[in-house]
Amino acid sequence: DKGLIDATVNGIANLTRRSGQRLRQLQSGIINHYALAMV
């Protein structure tokens, strides 16, 4: 449980948290950035 299940869950949680932080940084309010991201 500690070695596999908890590690997997914690890894996904950390990845999600970091991804969220990266996405939050992308929210600059500049339309050009949003357009680039969409492309």
All heavy atoms as atom14 arrays in JSON, in Angstrom:
{
  "sequence": "DKGLIDATVNGIANLTRRSGQRLRQLQSGIINHYALAMV",
  "atom14_mask": [
    [1, 1, 1, 1, 1, 1, 1, 1, 0, 0, 0, 0, 0, 0],
    [1, 1, 1, 1, 1, 1, 1, 1, 1, 0, 0, 0, 0, 0],
    [1, 1, 1, 1, 0, 0, 0, 0, 0, 0, 0, 0, 0, 0],
    [1, 1, 1, 1, 1, 1, 1, 1, 0, 0, 0, 0, 0, 0],
    [1, 1, 1, 1, 1, 1, 1, 1, 0, 0, 0, 0, 0, 0],
    [1, 1, 1, 1, 1, 1, 1, 1, 0, 0, 0, 0, 0, 0],
    [1, 1, 1, 1, 1, 0, 0, 0, 0, 0, 0, 0, 0, 0],
    [1, 1, 1, 1, 1, 1, 1, 0, 0, 0, 0, 0, 0, 0],
    [1, 1, 1, 1, 1, 1, 1, 0, 0, 0, 0, 0, 0, 0],
    [1, 1, 1, 1, 1, 1, 1, 1, 0, 0, 0, 0, 0, 0],
    [1, 1, 1, 1, 0, 0, 0, 0, 0, 0, 0, 0, 0, 0],
    [1, 1, 1, 1, 1, 1, 1, 1, 0, 0, 0, 0, 0, 0],
    [1, 1, 1, 1, 1, 0, 0, 0, 0, 0, 0, 0, 0, 0],
    [1, 1, 1, 1, 1, 1, 1, 1, 0, 0, 0, 0, 0, 0],
    [1, 1, 1, 1, 1, 1, 1, 1, 0, 0, 0, 0, 0, 0],
    [1, 1, 1, 1, 1, 1, 1, 0, 0, 0, 0, 0, 0, 0],
    [1, 1, 1, 1, 1, 1, 1, 1, 1, 1, 1, 0, 0, 0],
    [1, 1, 1, 1, 1, 1, 1, 1, 1, 1, 1, 0, 0, 0],
    [1, 1, 1, 1, 1, 1, 0, 0, 0, 0, 0, 0, 0, 0],
    [1, 1, 1, 1, 0, 0, 0, 0, 0, 0, 0, 0, 0, 0],
    [1, 1, 1, 1, 1, 1, 1, 1, 1, 0, 0, 0, 0, 0],
    [1, 1, 1, 1, 1, 1, 1, 1, 1, 1, 1, 0, 0, 0],
    [1, 1, 1, 1, 1, 1, 1, 1, 0, 0, 0, 0, 0, 0],
    [1, 1, 1, 1, 1, 1, 1, 1, 1, 1, 1, 0, 0, 0],
    [1, 1, 1, 1, 1, 1, 1, 1, 1, 0, 0, 0, 0, 0],
    [1, 1, 1, 1, 1, 1, 1, 1, 0, 0, 0, 0, 0, 0],
    [1, 1, 1, 1, 1, 1, 1, 1, 1, 0, 0, 0, 0, 0],
    [1, 1, 1, 1, 1, 1, 0, 0, 0, 0, 0, 0, 0, 0],
    [1, 1, 1, 1, 0, 0, 0, 0, 0, 0, 0, 0, 0, 0],
    [1, 1, 1, 1, 1, 1, 1, 1, 0, 0, 0, 0, 0, 0],
    [1, 1, 1, 1, 1, 1, 1, 1, 0, 0, 0, 0, 0, 0],
    [1, 1, 1, 1, 1, 1, 1, 1, 0, 0, 0, 0, 0, 0],
    [1, 1, 1, 1, 1, 1, 1, 1, 1, 1, 0, 0, 0, 0],
    [1, 1, 1, 1, 1, 1, 1, 1, 1, 1, 1, 1, 0, 0],
    [1, 1, 1, 1, 1, 0, 0, 0, 0, 0, 0, 0, 0, 0],
    [1, 1, 1, 1, 1, 1, 1, 1, 0, 0, 0, 0, 0, 0],
    [1, 1, 1, 1, 1, 0, 0, 0, 0, 0, 0, 0, 0, 0],
    [1, 1, 1, 1, 1, 1, 1, 1, 0, 0, 0, 0, 0, 0],
    [1, 1, 1, 1, 1, 1, 1, 0, 0, 0, 0, 0, 0, 0]
  ],
  "atom14_positions": [
    [[0.83, -1.21, 0.0], [0.0, 0.0, 0.0], [0.87, 1.26, 0.0], [0.6, 2.21, -0.74], [-0.9, -0.03, 1.24], [-1.78, 1.21, 1.33], [-2.62, 1.41, 0.44], [-1.63, 1.96, 2.31], [0.0, 0.0, 0.0], [0.0, 0.0, 0.0], [0.0, 0.0, 0.0], [0.0, 0.0, 0.0], [0.0, 0.0, 0.0], [0.0, 0.0, 0.0]],
    [[1.91, 1.22, 0.86], [2.76, 2.41, 0.94], [3.65, 2.53, -0.29], [3.87, 3.64, -0.81], [3.63, 2.34, 2.19], [2.86, 2.55, 3.48], [3.81, 2.51, 4.68], [3.07, 2.81, 5.97], [3.97, 2.78, 7.16], [0.0, 0.0, 0.0], [0.0, 0.0, 0.0], [0.0, 0.0, 0.0], [0.0, 0.0, 0.0], [0.0, 0.0, 0.0]],
    [[4.21, 1.39, -0.75], [5.18, 1.44, -1.84], [4.58, 1.67, -3.2], [5.2, 2.32, -4.06], [0.0, 0.0, 0.0], [0.0, 0.0, 0.0], [0.0, 0.0, 0.0], [0.0, 0.0, 0.0], [0.0, 0.0, 0.0], [0.0, 0.0, 0.0], [0.0, 0.0, 0.0], [0.0, 0.0, 0.0], [0.0, 0.0, 0.0], [0.0, 0.0, 0.0]],
    [[3.41, 1.16, -3.5], [2.84, 1.27, -4.84], [1.61, 2.16, -4.89], [1.59, 3.17, -5.61], [2.49, -0.13, -5.36], [1.89, -0.17, -6.78], [2.9, 0.37, -7.79], [1.51, -1.61, -7.13], [0.0, 0.0, 0.0], [0.0, 0.0, 0.0], [0.0, 0.0, 0.0], [0.0, 0.0, 0.0], [0.0, 0.0, 0.0], [0.0, 0.0, 0.0]],
    [[0.61, 1.81, -4.09], [-0.64, 2.56, -4.17], [-0.45, 4.01, -3.75], [-0.8, 4.94, -4.48], [-1.72, 1.88, -3.3], [-1.92, 0.42, -3.72], [-3.03, 2.66, -3.4], [-2.37, 0.26, -5.14], [0.0, 0.0, 0.0], [0.0, 0.0, 0.0], [0.0, 0.0, 0.0], [0.0, 0.0, 0.0], [0.0, 0.0, 0.0], [0.0, 0.0, 0.0]],
    [[0.15, 4.17, -2.55], [0.35, 5.53, -2.07], [1.29, 6.32, -2.97], [1.08, 7.52, -3.23], [0.92, 5.52, -0.65], [-0.13, 5.09, 0.37], [-1.3, 4.91, -0.03], [0.22, 4.91, 1.56], [0.0, 0.0, 0.0], [0.0, 0.0, 0.0], [0.0, 0.0, 0.0], [0.0, 0.0, 0.0], [0.0, 0.0, 0.0], [0.0, 0.0, 0.0]],
    [[2.36, 5.62, -3.48], [3.3, 6.32, -4.38], [2.61, 6.76, -5.66], [2.82, 7.88, -6.15], [4.48, 5.4, -4.69], [0.0, 0.0, 0.0], [0.0, 0.0, 0.0], [0.0, 0.0, 0.0], [0.0, 0.0, 0.0], [0.0, 0.0, 0.0], [0.0, 0.0, 0.0], [0.0, 0.0, 0.0], [0.0, 0.0, 0.0], [0.0, 0.0, 0.0]],
    [[1.78, 5.88, -6.24], [1.06, 6.23, -7.46], [0.1, 7.39, -7.24], [0.07, 8.37, -8.02], [0.28, 5.01, -7.98], [1.21, 3.94, -8.21], [-0.45, 5.34, -9.27], [0.0, 0.0, 0.0], [0.0, 0.0, 0.0], [0.0, 0.0, 0.0], [0.0, 0.0, 0.0], [0.0, 0.0, 0.0], [0.0, 0.0, 0.0], [0.0, 0.0, 0.0]],
    [[-0.68, 7.27, -6.18], [-1.64, 8.33, -5.9], [-0.93, 9.65, -5.62], [-1.33, 10.71, -6.13], [-2.52, 7.92, -4.7], [-3.4, 9.09, -4.24], [-3.4, 6.74, -5.07], [0.0, 0.0, 0.0], [0.0, 0.0, 0.0], [0.0, 0.0, 0.0], [0.0, 0.0, 0.0], [0.0, 0.0, 0.0], [0.0, 0.0, 0.0], [0.0, 0.0, 0.0]],
    [[0.13, 9.57, -4.82], [0.86, 10.8, -4.5], [1.51, 11.39, -5.73], [1.56, 12.62, -5.91], [1.92, 10.52, -3.43], [1.3, 10.2, -2.08], [0.16, 10.59, -1.81], [2.04, 9.48, -1.22], [0.0, 0.0, 0.0], [0.0, 0.0, 0.0], [0.0, 0.0, 0.0], [0.0, 0.0, 0.0], [0.0, 0.0, 0.0], [0.0, 0.0, 0.0]],
    [[2.02, 10.48, -6.63], [2.64, 10.98, -7.87], [1.62, 11.68, -8.76], [1.91, 12.76, -9.32], [0.0, 0.0, 0.0], [0.0, 0.0, 0.0], [0.0, 0.0, 0.0], [0.0, 0.0, 0.0], [0.0, 0.0, 0.0], [0.0, 0.0, 0.0], [0.0, 0.0, 0.0], [0.0, 0.0, 0.0], [0.0, 0.0, 0.0], [0.0, 0.0, 0.0]],
    [[0.46, 11.07, -8.94], [-0.57, 11.7, -9.77], [-1.0, 13.03, -9.16], [-1.21, 14.03, -9.86], [-1.77, 10.76, -9.92], [-1.35, 9.52, -10.74], [-2.96, 11.46, -10.56], [-2.43, 8.45, -10.8], [0.0, 0.0, 0.0], [0.0, 0.0, 0.0], [0.0, 0.0, 0.0], [0.0, 0.0, 0.0], [0.0, 0.0, 0.0], [0.0, 0.0, 0.0]],
    [[-1.12, 13.02, -7.81], [-1.54, 14.26, -7.15], [-0.5, 15.36, -7.36], [-0.85, 16.53, -7.62], [-1.75, 13.99, -5.67], [0.0, 0.0, 0.0], [0.0, 0.0, 0.0], [0.0, 0.0, 0.0], [0.0, 0.0, 0.0], [0.0, 0.0, 0.0], [0.0, 0.0, 0.0], [0.0, 0.0, 0.0], [0.0, 0.0, 0.0], [0.0, 0.0, 0.0]],
    [[0.79, 14.97, -7.22], [1.84, 15.98, -7.41], [1.88, 16.48, -8.85], [2.06, 17.68, -9.11], [3.21, 15.39, -7.03], [3.32, 15.15, -5.53], [2.71, 15.87, -4.74], [4.11, 14.14, -5.14], [0.0, 0.0, 0.0], [0.0, 0.0, 0.0], [0.0, 0.0, 0.0], [0.0, 0.0, 0.0], [0.0, 0.0, 0.0], [0.0, 0.0, 0.0]],
    [[1.7, 15.54, -9.82], [1.66, 15.93, -11.23], [0.51, 16.87, -11.52], [0.67, 17.88, -12.22], [1.56, 14.68, -12.11], [1.47, 14.93, -13.62], [2.75, 15.63, -14.13], [1.27, 13.6, -14.36], [0.0, 0.0, 0.0], [0.0, 0.0, 0.0], [0.0, 0.0, 0.0], [0.0, 0.0, 0.0], [0.0, 0.0, 0.0], [0.0, 0.0, 0.0]],
    [[-0.64, 16.53, -10.95], [-1.82, 17.39, -11.15], [-1.59, 18.78, -10.54], [-1.94, 19.81, -11.12], [-3.05, 16.76, -10.52], [-3.25, 15.45, -11.09], [-4.29, 17.59, -10.74], [0.0, 0.0, 0.0], [0.0, 0.0, 0.0], [0.0, 0.0, 0.0], [0.0, 0.0, 0.0], [0.0, 0.0, 0.0], [0.0, 0.0, 0.0], [0.0, 0.0, 0.0]],
    [[-0.97, 18.77, -9.35], [-0.72, 20.06, -8.69], [0.25, 20.92, -9.5], [0.04, 22.11, -9.71], [-0.16, 19.8, -7.3], [0.14, 21.06, -6.5], [0.52, 20.68, -5.07], [1.66, 19.78, -5.05], [2.94, 20.2, -5.18], [3.23, 21.47, -5.36], [3.91, 19.31, -5.13], [0.0, 0.0, 0.0], [0.0, 0.0, 0.0], [0.0, 0.0, 0.0]],
    [[1.34, 20.26, -10.0], [2.32, 21.02, -10.79], [1.73, 21.5, -12.1], [1.98, 22.62, -12.56], [3.56, 20.17, -11.03], [4.42, 19.97, -9.78], [5.79, 19.44, -10.15], [5.7, 18.1, -10.72], [5.8, 16.98, -9.99], [5.97, 17.06, -8.68], [5.71, 15.81, -10.57], [0.0, 0.0, 0.0], [0.0, 0.0, 0.0], [0.0, 0.0, 0.0]],
    [[0.91, 20.61, -12.73], [0.25, 20.99, -13.99], [-0.67, 22.18, -13.76], [-0.75, 23.11, -14.57], [-0.54, 19.82, -14.56], [0.33, 18.75, -14.85], [0.0, 0.0, 0.0], [0.0, 0.0, 0.0], [0.0, 0.0, 0.0], [0.0, 0.0, 0.0], [0.0, 0.0, 0.0], [0.0, 0.0, 0.0], [0.0, 0.0, 0.0], [0.0, 0.0, 0.0]],
    [[-1.36, 22.14, -12.64], [-2.25, 23.26, -12.32], [-1.48, 24.54, -12.12], [-1.94, 25.62, -12.53], [0.0, 0.0, 0.0], [0.0, 0.0, 0.0], [0.0, 0.0, 0.0], [0.0, 0.0, 0.0], [0.0, 0.0, 0.0], [0.0, 0.0, 0.0], [0.0, 0.0, 0.0], [0.0, 0.0, 0.0], [0.0, 0.0, 0.0], [0.0, 0.0, 0.0]],
    [[-0.32, 24.41, -11.45], [0.49, 25.6, -11.26], [0.96, 26.15, -12.6], [0.99, 27.38, -12.82], [1.68, 25.26, -10.35], [1.27, 25.0, -8.9], [2.44, 24.56, -8.06], [3.52, 24.25, -8.6], [2.24, 24.52, -6.73], [0.0, 0.0, 0.0], [0.0, 0.0, 0.0], [0.0, 0.0, 0.0], [0.0, 0.0, 0.0], [0.0, 0.0, 0.0]],
    [[1.36, 25.23, -13.55], [1.82, 25.67, -14.88], [0.67, 26.35, -15.63], [0.85, 27.4, -16.26], [2.32, 24.49, -15.7], [3.57, 23.83, -15.12], [4.76, 24.76, -15.16], [5.98, 24.12, -14.66], [7.14, 24.76, -14.49], [7.23, 26.07, -14.78], [8.2, 24.12, -14.05], [0.0, 0.0, 0.0], [0.0, 0.0, 0.0], [0.0, 0.0, 0.0]],
    [[-0.5, 25.75, -15.56], [-1.65, 26.35, -16.23], [-2.0, 27.7, -15.63], [-2.42, 28.62, -16.33], [-2.85, 25.4, -16.14], [-2.76, 24.12, -16.97], [-3.95, 23.21, -16.66], [-2.72, 24.46, -18.48], [0.0, 0.0, 0.0], [0.0, 0.0, 0.0], [0.0, 0.0, 0.0], [0.0, 0.0, 0.0], [0.0, 0.0, 0.0], [0.0, 0.0, 0.0]],
    [[-1.84, 27.78, -14.32], [-2.12, 29.05, -13.66], [-1.17, 30.15, -14.16], [-1.55, 31.31, -14.33], [-1.98, 28.88, -12.16], [-2.34, 30.13, -11.36], [-2.19, 29.84, -9.9], [-2.53, 31.04, -9.11], [-2.43, 31.13, -7.79], [-1.98, 30.07, -7.11], [-2.75, 32.25, -7.17], [0.0, 0.0, 0.0], [0.0, 0.0, 0.0], [0.0, 0.0, 0.0]],
    [[0.11, 29.74, -14.41], [1.07, 30.71, -14.92], [0.72, 31.17, -16.32], [1.04, 32.28, -16.73], [2.48, 30.1, -14.91], [3.02, 29.85, -13.48], [4.35, 29.15, -13.49], [4.87, 28.79, -14.58], [4.91, 28.94, -12.3], [0.0, 0.0, 0.0], [0.0, 0.0, 0.0], [0.0, 0.0, 0.0], [0.0, 0.0, 0.0], [0.0, 0.0, 0.0]],
    [[0.05, 30.25, -17.09], [-0.35, 30.61, -18.45], [-1.49, 31.61, -18.49], [-1.74, 32.25, -19.51], [-0.75, 29.35, -19.24], [0.39, 28.36, -19.52], [-0.16, 27.12, -20.19], [1.47, 29.01, -20.41], [0.0, 0.0, 0.0], [0.0, 0.0, 0.0], [0.0, 0.0, 0.0], [0.0, 0.0, 0.0], [0.0, 0.0, 0.0], [0.0, 0.0, 0.0]],
    [[-2.18, 31.71, -17.37], [-3.32, 32.65, -17.31], [-2.78, 34.07, -17.06], [-2.9, 34.64, -15.99], [-4.3, 32.24, -16.22], [-4.97, 30.91, -16.5], [-5.87, 30.48, -15.38], [-5.91, 31.14, -14.35], [-6.58, 29.38, -15.58], [0.0, 0.0, 0.0], [0.0, 0.0, 0.0], [0.0, 0.0, 0.0], [0.0, 0.0, 0.0], [0.0, 0.0, 0.0]],
    [[-2.15, 34.64, -18.16], [-1.53, 35.96, -18.05], [-2.49, 37.09, -18.36], [-2.21, 38.26, -18.07], [-0.31, 36.06, -18.98], [-0.74, 35.87, -20.33], [0.0, 0.0, 0.0], [0.0, 0.0, 0.0], [0.0, 0.0, 0.0], [0.0, 0.0, 0.0], [0.0, 0.0, 0.0], [0.0, 0.0, 0.0], [0.0, 0.0, 0.0], [0.0, 0.0, 0.0]],
    [[-3.62, 36.77, -19.01], [-4.58, 37.81, -19.42], [-4.27, 38.41, -20.78], [-4.99, 39.29, -21.25], [0.0, 0.0, 0.0], [0.0, 0.0, 0.0], [0.0, 0.0, 0.0], [0.0, 0.0, 0.0], [0.0, 0.0, 0.0], [0.0, 0.0, 0.0], [0.0, 0.0, 0.0], [0.0, 0.0, 0.0], [0.0, 0.0, 0.0], [0.0, 0.0, 0.0]],
    [[-3.2, 37.93, -21.5], [-2.83, 38.47, -22.83], [-3.44, 37.57, -23.88], [-3.23, 36.35, -23.86], [-1.3, 38.52, -22.99], [-0.69, 39.41, -21.88], [-0.92, 39.01, -24.37], [0.83, 39.41, -21.85], [0.0, 0.0, 0.0], [0.0, 0.0, 0.0], [0.0, 0.0, 0.0], [0.0, 0.0, 0.0], [0.0, 0.0, 0.0], [0.0, 0.0, 0.0]],
    [[-4.2, 38.15, -24.81], [-4.94, 37.37, -25.82], [-3.97, 36.62, -26.72], [-4.24, 35.48, -27.12], [-5.85, 38.31, -26.66], [-6.91, 38.92, -25.73], [-6.5, 37.56, -27.81], [-7.82, 39.92, -26.46], [0.0, 0.0, 0.0], [0.0, 0.0, 0.0], [0.0, 0.0, 0.0], [0.0, 0.0, 0.0], [0.0, 0.0, 0.0], [0.0, 0.0, 0.0]],
    [[-2.86, 37.18, -27.02], [-1.9, 36.51, -27.91], [-1.42, 35.19, -27.31], [-1.23, 34.19, -28.0], [-0.69, 37.42, -28.18], [-1.09, 38.65, -29.01], [-2.11, 38.61, -29.73], [-0.32, 39.73, -28.93], [0.0, 0.0, 0.0], [0.0, 0.0, 0.0], [0.0, 0.0, 0.0], [0.0, 0.0, 0.0], [0.0, 0.0, 0.0], [0.0, 0.0, 0.0]],
    [[-1.21, 35.22, -26.01], [-0.77, 33.98, -25.35], [-1.84, 32.9, -25.41], [-1.55, 31.73, -25.63], [-0.43, 34.27, -23.88], [0.8, 35.11, -23.71], [1.24, 35.61, -22.49], [1.73, 35.55, -24.64], [2.35, 36.33, -22.66], [2.65, 36.31, -23.98], [0.0, 0.0, 0.0], [0.0, 0.0, 0.0], [0.0, 0.0, 0.0], [0.0, 0.0, 0.0]],
    [[-3.12, 33.32, -25.19], [-4.23, 32.35, -25.24], [-4.37, 31.78, -26.65], [-4.63, 30.58, -26.81], [-5.53, 33.02, -24.82], [-5.59, 33.4, -23.35], [-6.44, 34.4, -22.91], [-4.8, 32.73, -22.43], [-6.49, 34.76, -21.57], [-4.84, 33.08, -21.1], [-5.68, 34.09, -20.65], [-5.74, 34.43, -19.35], [0.0, 0.0, 0.0], [0.0, 0.0, 0.0]],
    [[-4.23, 32.63, -27.64], [-4.35, 32.19, -29.03], [-3.25, 31.18, -29.36], [-3.49, 30.15, -30.0], [-4.28, 33.38, -29.99], [0.0, 0.0, 0.0], [0.0, 0.0, 0.0], [0.0, 0.0, 0.0], [0.0, 0.0, 0.0], [0.0, 0.0, 0.0], [0.0, 0.0, 0.0], [0.0, 0.0, 0.0], [0.0, 0.0, 0.0], [0.0, 0.0, 0.0]],
    [[-2.02, 31.5, -28.9], [-0.9, 30.59, -29.13], [-1.16, 29.25, -28.46], [-0.89, 28.2, -29.03], [0.39, 31.22, -28.62], [1.66, 30.36, -28.75], [1.93, 30.05, -30.24], [2.86, 31.07, -28.13], [0.0, 0.0, 0.0], [0.0, 0.0, 0.0], [0.0, 0.0, 0.0], [0.0, 0.0, 0.0], [0.0, 0.0, 0.0], [0.0, 0.0, 0.0]],
    [[-1.67, 29.32, -27.23], [-1.95, 28.08, -26.5], [-3.0, 27.26, -27.22], [-2.92, 26.01, -27.29], [-2.41, 28.41, -25.08], [0.0, 0.0, 0.0], [0.0, 0.0, 0.0], [0.0, 0.0, 0.0], [0.0, 0.0, 0.0], [0.0, 0.0, 0.0], [0.0, 0.0, 0.0], [0.0, 0.0, 0.0], [0.0, 0.0, 0.0], [0.0, 0.0, 0.0]],
    [[-4.02, 27.92, -27.77], [-5.07, 27.19, -28.48], [-4.52, 26.54, -29.74], [-4.86, 25.4, -30.05], [-6.21, 28.14, -28.84], [-6.99, 28.64, -27.62], [-8.25, 29.87, -28.04], [-9.32, 28.9, -29.06], [0.0, 0.0, 0.0], [0.0, 0.0, 0.0], [0.0, 0.0, 0.0], [0.0, 0.0, 0.0], [0.0, 0.0, 0.0], [0.0, 0.0, 0.0]],
    [[-3.66, 27.27, -30.45], [-3.07, 26.7, -31.67], [-2.22, 25.49, -31.32], [-2.28, 24.44, -31.96], [-2.22, 27.77, -32.4], [-1.42, 27.15, -33.53], [-3.12, 28.86, -32.93], [0.0, 0.0, 0.0], [0.0, 0.0, 0.0], [0.0, 0.0, 0.0], [0.0, 0.0, 0.0], [0.0, 0.0, 0.0], [0.0, 0.0, 0.0], [0.0, 0.0, 0.0]]
  ]
}
